[in-house]
Amino acid sequence: MLIAGFAAGAWGTNCYVVAPAAGEECVIIDPGHQATAGVEETLAKHRLKPVAVVLTHGHIDHVA
């Protein structure tokens, strides 16, 4: 199981990318404000293909 997390944006919102293993399909969880660079870096580093986005709730720091 691959779980990569990072803090994004001015609020330091936790964003996660979860996959069975490197090179597999993944789910992106809470890609909030200013998470694009971190998501792109994580996808490239682990050769992941995003297939879904999960939003845990509708605050701007979790939804971009």
PDB file of N, CA and C in Angstrom:
ATOM      1  N   MET A   1       0.852  -1.171   0.000  1.00  0.00           N
ATOM      2  CA  MET A   1       0.000   0.000   0.000  1.00  0.00           C
ATOM      3  C   MET A   1       0.898   1.234   0.000  1.00  0.00           C
ATOM      4  N   LEU A   2       0.605   2.160  -0.877  1.00  0.00           N
ATOM      5  CA  LEU A   2       1.336   3.416  -0.958  1.00  0.00           C
ATOM      6  C   LEU A   2       0.411   4.534  -0.484  1.00  0.00           C
ATOM      7  N   ILE A   3       0.822   5.235   0.549  1.00  0.00           N
ATOM      8  CA  ILE A   3       0.083   6.394   1.051  1.00  0.00           C
ATOM      9  C   ILE A   3       1.067   7.549   1.119  1.00  0.00           C
ATOM     10  N   ALA A   4       0.861   8.544   0.268  1.00  0.00           N
ATOM     11  CA  ALA A   4       1.731   9.721   0.243  1.00  0.00           C
ATOM     12  C   ALA A   4       0.902  10.922   0.667  1.00  0.00           C
ATOM     13  N   GLY A   5       1.383  11.645   1.652  1.00  0.00           N
ATOM     14  CA  GLY A   5       0.665  12.819   2.128  1.00  0.00           C
ATOM     15  C   GLY A   5       1.557  14.037   2.158  1.00  0.00           C
ATOM     16  N   PHE A   6       0.938  15.194   2.030  1.00  0.00           N
ATOM     17  CA  PHE A   6       1.681  16.449   2.096  1.00  0.00           C
ATOM     18  C   PHE A   6       0.729  17.564   2.504  1.00  0.00           C
ATOM     19  N   ALA A   7       1.289  18.628   3.048  1.00  0.00           N
ATOM     20  CA  ALA A   7       0.503  19.808   3.424  1.00  0.00           C
ATOM     21  C   ALA A   7       0.485  20.770   2.243  1.00  0.00           C
ATOM     22  N   ALA A   8      -0.696  21.303   1.928  1.00  0.00           N
ATOM     23  CA  ALA A   8      -0.846  22.176   0.763  1.00  0.00           C
ATOM     24  C   ALA A   8      -1.410  23.533   1.152  1.00  0.00           C
ATOM     25  N   GLY A   9      -0.903  24.541   0.488  1.00  0.00           N
ATOM     26  CA  GLY A   9      -1.457  25.879   0.620  1.00  0.00           C
ATOM     27  C   GLY A   9      -1.127  26.570   1.925  1.00  0.00           C
ATOM     28  N   ALA A  10      -1.635  27.775   2.037  1.00  0.00           N
ATOM     29  CA  ALA A  10      -1.377  28.621   3.203  1.00  0.00           C
ATOM     30  C   ALA A  10      -1.933  28.018   4.489  1.00  0.00           C
ATOM     31  N   TRP A  11      -2.989  27.206   4.373  1.00  0.00           N
ATOM     32  CA  TRP A  11      -3.594  26.595   5.559  1.00  0.00           C
ATOM     33  C   TRP A  11      -2.947  25.259   5.909  1.00  0.00           C
ATOM     34  N   GLY A  12      -2.032  24.796   5.092  1.00  0.00           N
ATOM     35  CA  GLY A  12      -1.367  23.523   5.372  1.00  0.00           C
ATOM     36  C   GLY A  12      -2.318  22.346   5.377  1.00  0.00           C
ATOM     37  N   THR A  13      -3.287  22.363   4.470  1.00  0.00           N
ATOM     38  CA  THR A  13      -4.283  21.303   4.403  1.00  0.00           C
ATOM     39  C   THR A  13      -3.644  19.974   4.021  1.00  0.00           C
ATOM     40  N   ASN A  14      -3.995  18.926   4.723  1.00  0.00           N
ATOM     41  CA  ASN A  14      -3.458  17.598   4.433  1.00  0.00           C
ATOM     42  C   ASN A  14      -4.127  17.018   3.196  1.00  0.00           C
ATOM     43  N   CYS A  15      -3.314  16.661   2.224  1.00  0.00           N
ATOM     44  CA  CYS A  15      -3.762  16.009   0.999  1.00  0.00           C
ATOM     45  C   CYS A  15      -3.061  14.659   0.941  1.00  0.00           C
ATOM     46  N   TYR A  16      -3.768  13.645   0.465  1.00  0.00           N
ATOM     47  CA  TYR A  16      -3.194  12.305   0.389  1.00  0.00           C
ATOM     48  C   TYR A  16      -3.410  11.713  -0.996  1.00  0.00           C
ATOM     49  N   VAL A  17      -2.463  10.895  -1.416  1.00  0.00           N
ATOM     50  CA  VAL A  17      -2.577  10.103  -2.627  1.00  0.00           C
ATOM     51  C   VAL A  17      -2.395   8.652  -2.189  1.00  0.00           C
ATOM     52  N   VAL A  18      -3.385   7.810  -2.509  1.00  0.00           N
ATOM     53  CA  VAL A  18      -3.391   6.427  -2.025  1.00  0.00           C
ATOM     54  C   VAL A  18      -3.481   5.475  -3.218  1.00  0.00           C
ATOM     55  N   ALA A  19      -2.617   4.453  -3.204  1.00  0.00           N
ATOM     56  CA  ALA A  19      -2.593   3.456  -4.277  1.00  0.00           C
ATOM     57  C   ALA A  19      -2.152   2.113  -3.703  1.00  0.00           C
ATOM     58  N   PRO A  20      -2.470   1.019  -4.401  1.00  0.00           N
ATOM     59  CA  PRO A  20      -1.999  -0.288  -3.948  1.00  0.00           C
ATOM     60  C   PRO A  20      -0.473  -0.388  -3.956  1.00  0.00           C
ATOM     61  N   ALA A  21       0.161   0.264  -4.945  1.00  0.00           N
ATOM     62  CA  ALA A  21       1.625   0.244  -5.077  1.00  0.00           C
ATOM     63  C   ALA A  21       2.030   1.266  -6.127  1.00  0.00           C
ATOM     64  N   ALA A  22       3.311   1.562  -6.205  1.00  0.00           N
ATOM     65  CA  ALA A  22       3.817   2.462  -7.242  1.00  0.00           C
ATOM     66  C   ALA A  22       3.477   1.888  -8.617  1.00  0.00           C
ATOM     67  N   GLY A  23       3.190   2.773  -9.567  1.00  0.00           N
ATOM     68  CA  GLY A  23       2.864   2.353 -10.919  1.00  0.00           C
ATOM     69  C   GLY A  23       1.421   1.927 -11.117  1.00  0.00           C
ATOM     70  N   GLU A  24       0.596   2.082 -10.104  1.00  0.00           N
ATOM     71  CA  GLU A  24      -0.803   1.649 -10.155  1.00  0.00           C
ATOM     72  C   GLU A  24      -1.754   2.847 -10.272  1.00  0.00           C
ATOM     73  N   GLU A  25      -3.051   2.558 -10.301  1.00  0.00           N
ATOM     74  CA  GLU A  25      -4.069   3.601 -10.230  1.00  0.00           C
ATOM     75  C   GLU A  25      -4.142   4.107  -8.794  1.00  0.00           C
ATOM     76  N   CYS A  26      -4.560   5.376  -8.635  1.00  0.00           N
ATOM     77  CA  CYS A  26      -4.604   5.952  -7.295  1.00  0.00           C
ATOM     78  C   CYS A  26      -5.842   6.813  -7.097  1.00  0.00           C
ATOM     79  N   VAL A  27      -6.076   7.139  -5.841  1.00  0.00           N
ATOM     80  CA  VAL A  27      -7.141   8.047  -5.426  1.00  0.00           C
ATOM     81  C   VAL A  27      -6.475   9.239  -4.749  1.00  0.00           C
ATOM     82  N   ILE A  28      -6.949  10.433  -5.072  1.00  0.00           N
ATOM     83  CA  ILE A  28      -6.440  11.656  -4.455  1.00  0.00           C
ATOM     84  C   ILE A  28      -7.482  12.119  -3.442  1.00  0.00           C
ATOM     85  N   ILE A  29      -7.059  12.341  -2.205  1.00  0.00           N
ATOM     86  CA  ILE A  29      -7.978  12.706  -1.130  1.00  0.00           C
ATOM     87  C   ILE A  29      -7.723  14.141  -0.689  1.00  0.00           C
ATOM     88  N   ASP A  30      -8.761  14.957  -0.727  1.00  0.00           N
ATOM     89  CA  ASP A  30      -8.742  16.361  -0.295  1.00  0.00           C
ATOM     90  C   ASP A  30      -7.681  17.226  -0.983  1.00  0.00           C
ATOM     91  N   PRO A  31      -7.702  17.293  -2.321  1.00  0.00           N
ATOM     92  CA  PRO A  31      -6.755  18.171  -3.011  1.00  0.00           C
ATOM     93  C   PRO A  31      -7.247  19.614  -2.954  1.00  0.00           C
ATOM     94  N   GLY A  32      -7.027  20.244  -1.839  1.00  0.00           N
ATOM     95  CA  GLY A  32      -7.527  21.599  -1.623  1.00  0.00           C
ATOM     96  C   GLY A  32      -6.733  22.671  -2.325  1.00  0.00           C
ATOM     97  N   HIS A  33      -6.947  23.878  -1.885  1.00  0.00           N
ATOM     98  CA  HIS A  33      -6.330  25.075  -2.446  1.00  0.00           C
ATOM     99  C   HIS A  33      -4.813  24.926  -2.522  1.00  0.00           C
ATOM    100  N   GLN A  34      -4.249  25.138  -3.684  1.00  0.00           N
ATOM    101  CA  GLN A  34      -2.804  25.105  -3.943  1.00  0.00           C
ATOM    102  C   GLN A  34      -2.180  23.714  -3.785  1.00  0.00           C
ATOM    103  N   ALA A  35      -2.928  22.664  -4.059  1.00  0.00           N
ATOM    104  CA  ALA A  35      -2.391  21.304  -3.952  1.00  0.00           C
ATOM    105  C   ALA A  35      -1.847  20.773  -5.277  1.00  0.00           C
ATOM    106  N   THR A  36      -2.043  21.504  -6.361  1.00  0.00           N
ATOM    107  CA  THR A  36      -1.686  20.996  -7.691  1.00  0.00           C
ATOM    108  C   THR A  36      -0.233  20.546  -7.790  1.00  0.00           C
ATOM    109  N   ALA A  37       0.699  21.373  -7.365  1.00  0.00           N
ATOM    110  CA  ALA A  37       2.124  21.027  -7.485  1.00  0.00           C
ATOM    111  C   ALA A  37       2.459  19.762  -6.697  1.00  0.00           C
ATOM    112  N   GLY A  38       1.944  19.645  -5.488  1.00  0.00           N
ATOM    113  CA  GLY A  38       2.206  18.463  -4.671  1.00  0.00           C
ATOM    114  C   GLY A  38       1.613  17.200  -5.263  1.00  0.00           C
ATOM    115  N   VAL A  39       0.405  17.315  -5.816  1.00  0.00           N
ATOM    116  CA  VAL A  39      -0.230  16.160  -6.453  1.00  0.00           C
ATOM    117  C   VAL A  39       0.580  15.737  -7.677  1.00  0.00           C
ATOM    118  N   GLU A  40       0.925  16.696  -8.530  1.00  0.00           N
ATOM    119  CA  GLU A  40       1.694  16.365  -9.735  1.00  0.00           C
ATOM    120  C   GLU A  40       3.039  15.727  -9.391  1.00  0.00           C
ATOM    121  N   GLU A  41       3.708  16.252  -8.384  1.00  0.00           N
ATOM    122  CA  GLU A  41       4.999  15.699  -7.961  1.00  0.00           C
ATOM    123  C   GLU A  41       4.846  14.262  -7.463  1.00  0.00           C
ATOM    124  N   THR A  42       3.821  14.023  -6.659  1.00  0.00           N
ATOM    125  CA  THR A  42       3.582  12.685  -6.118  1.00  0.00           C
ATOM    126  C   THR A  42       3.235  11.698  -7.223  1.00  0.00           C
ATOM    127  N   LEU A  43       2.376  12.105  -8.160  1.00  0.00           N
ATOM    128  CA  LEU A  43       2.004  11.224  -9.269  1.00  0.00           C
ATOM    129  C   LEU A  43       3.225  10.846 -10.101  1.00  0.00           C
ATOM    130  N   ALA A  44       4.061  11.821 -10.410  1.00  0.00           N
ATOM    131  CA  ALA A  44       5.256  11.558 -11.219  1.00  0.00           C
ATOM    132  C   ALA A  44       6.258  10.683 -10.468  1.00  0.00           C
ATOM    133  N   LYS A  45       6.500  11.008  -9.207  1.00  0.00           N
ATOM    134  CA  LYS A  45       7.491  10.274  -8.407  1.00  0.00           C
ATOM    135  C   LYS A  45       7.159   8.789  -8.309  1.00  0.00           C
ATOM    136  N   HIS A  46       5.862   8.484  -8.169  1.00  0.00           N
ATOM    137  CA  HIS A  46       5.440   7.093  -7.963  1.00  0.00           C
ATOM    138  C   HIS A  46       4.795   6.469  -9.208  1.00  0.00           C
ATOM    139  N   ARG A  47       4.821   7.206 -10.337  1.00  0.00           N
ATOM    140  CA  ARG A  47       4.261   6.722 -11.604  1.00  0.00           C
ATOM    141  C   ARG A  47       2.803   6.281 -11.440  1.00  0.00           C
ATOM    142  N   LEU A  48       1.995   7.150 -10.851  1.00  0.00           N
ATOM    143  CA  LEU A  48       0.607   6.821 -10.543  1.00  0.00           C
ATOM    144  C   LEU A  48      -0.357   7.404 -11.568  1.00  0.00           C
ATOM    145  N   LYS A  49      -1.499   6.728 -11.722  1.00  0.00           N
ATOM    146  CA  LYS A  49      -2.566   7.193 -12.606  1.00  0.00           C
ATOM    147  C   LYS A  49      -3.793   7.491 -11.746  1.00  0.00           C
ATOM    148  N   PRO A  50      -4.185   8.769 -11.622  1.00  0.00           N
ATOM    149  CA  PRO A  50      -5.352   9.093 -10.805  1.00  0.00           C
ATOM    150  C   PRO A  50      -6.651   8.639 -11.473  1.00  0.00           C
ATOM    151  N   VAL A  51      -7.521   8.007 -10.690  1.00  0.00           N
ATOM    152  CA  VAL A  51      -8.808   7.549 -11.207  1.00  0.00           C
ATOM    153  C   VAL A  51      -9.983   8.141 -10.442  1.00  0.00           C
ATOM    154  N   ALA A  52      -9.711   8.769  -9.290  1.00  0.00           N
ATOM    155  CA  ALA A  52     -10.800   9.353  -8.505  1.00  0.00           C
ATOM    156  C   ALA A  52     -10.255  10.398  -7.546  1.00  0.00           C
ATOM    157  N   VAL A  53     -11.139  11.320  -7.198  1.00  0.00           N
ATOM    158  CA  VAL A  53     -10.857  12.321  -6.169  1.00  0.00           C
ATOM    159  C   VAL A  53     -11.903  12.152  -5.082  1.00  0.00           C
ATOM    160  N   VAL A  54     -11.459  12.086  -3.839  1.00  0.00           N
ATOM    161  CA  VAL A  54     -12.362  11.970  -2.694  1.00  0.00           C
ATOM    162  C   VAL A  54     -12.287  13.266  -1.902  1.00  0.00           C
ATOM    163  N   LEU A  55     -13.435  13.892  -1.685  1.00  0.00           N
ATOM    164  CA  LEU A  55     -13.515  15.114  -0.890  1.00  0.00           C
ATOM    165  C   LEU A  55     -14.214  14.776   0.417  1.00  0.00           C
ATOM    166  N   THR A  56     -13.515  14.964   1.533  1.00  0.00           N
ATOM    167  CA  THR A  56     -14.093  14.585   2.818  1.00  0.00           C
ATOM    168  C   THR A  56     -15.145  15.566   3.300  1.00  0.00           C
ATOM    169  N   HIS A  57     -15.051  16.818   2.860  1.00  0.00           N
ATOM    170  CA  HIS A  57     -16.084  17.811   3.143  1.00  0.00           C
ATOM    171  C   HIS A  57     -15.862  19.034   2.267  1.00  0.00           C
ATOM    172  N   GLY A  58     -16.800  19.975   2.261  1.00  0.00           N
ATOM    173  CA  GLY A  58     -16.819  21.047   1.286  1.00  0.00           C
ATOM    174  C   GLY A  58     -16.141  22.350   1.635  1.00  0.00           C
ATOM    175  N   HIS A  59     -15.277  22.391   2.623  1.00  0.00           N
ATOM    176  CA  HIS A  59     -14.567  23.638   2.919  1.00  0.00           C
ATOM    177  C   HIS A  59     -13.536  23.924   1.836  1.00  0.00           C
ATOM    178  N   ILE A  60     -13.248  25.200   1.581  1.00  0.00           N
ATOM    179  CA  ILE A  60     -12.332  25.576   0.504  1.00  0.00           C
ATOM    180  C   ILE A  60     -10.933  24.997   0.689  1.00  0.00           C
ATOM    181  N   ASP A  61     -10.518  24.748   1.916  1.00  0.00           N
ATOM    182  CA  ASP A  61      -9.181  24.185   2.115  1.00  0.00           C
ATOM    183  C   ASP A  61      -9.115  22.702   1.740  1.00  0.00           C
ATOM    184  N   HIS A  62     -10.253  22.092   1.464  1.00  0.00           N
ATOM    185  CA  HIS A  62     -10.283  20.694   1.044  1.00  0.00           C
ATOM    186  C   HIS A  62     -10.763  20.522  -0.390  1.00  0.00           C
ATOM    187  N   VAL A  63     -11.381  21.539  -0.957  1.00  0.00           N
ATOM    188  CA  VAL A  63     -11.931  21.483  -2.312  1.00  0.00           C
ATOM    189  C   VAL A  63     -11.362  22.638  -3.112  1.00  0.00           C
ATOM    190  N   ALA A  64     -10.715  22.350  -4.220  1.00  0.00           N
ATOM    191  CA  ALA A  64     -10.173  23.429  -5.056  1.00  0.00           C
ATOM    192  C   ALA A  64     -10.722  23.341  -6.456  1.00  0.00           C
TER     193      ALA A  64
END
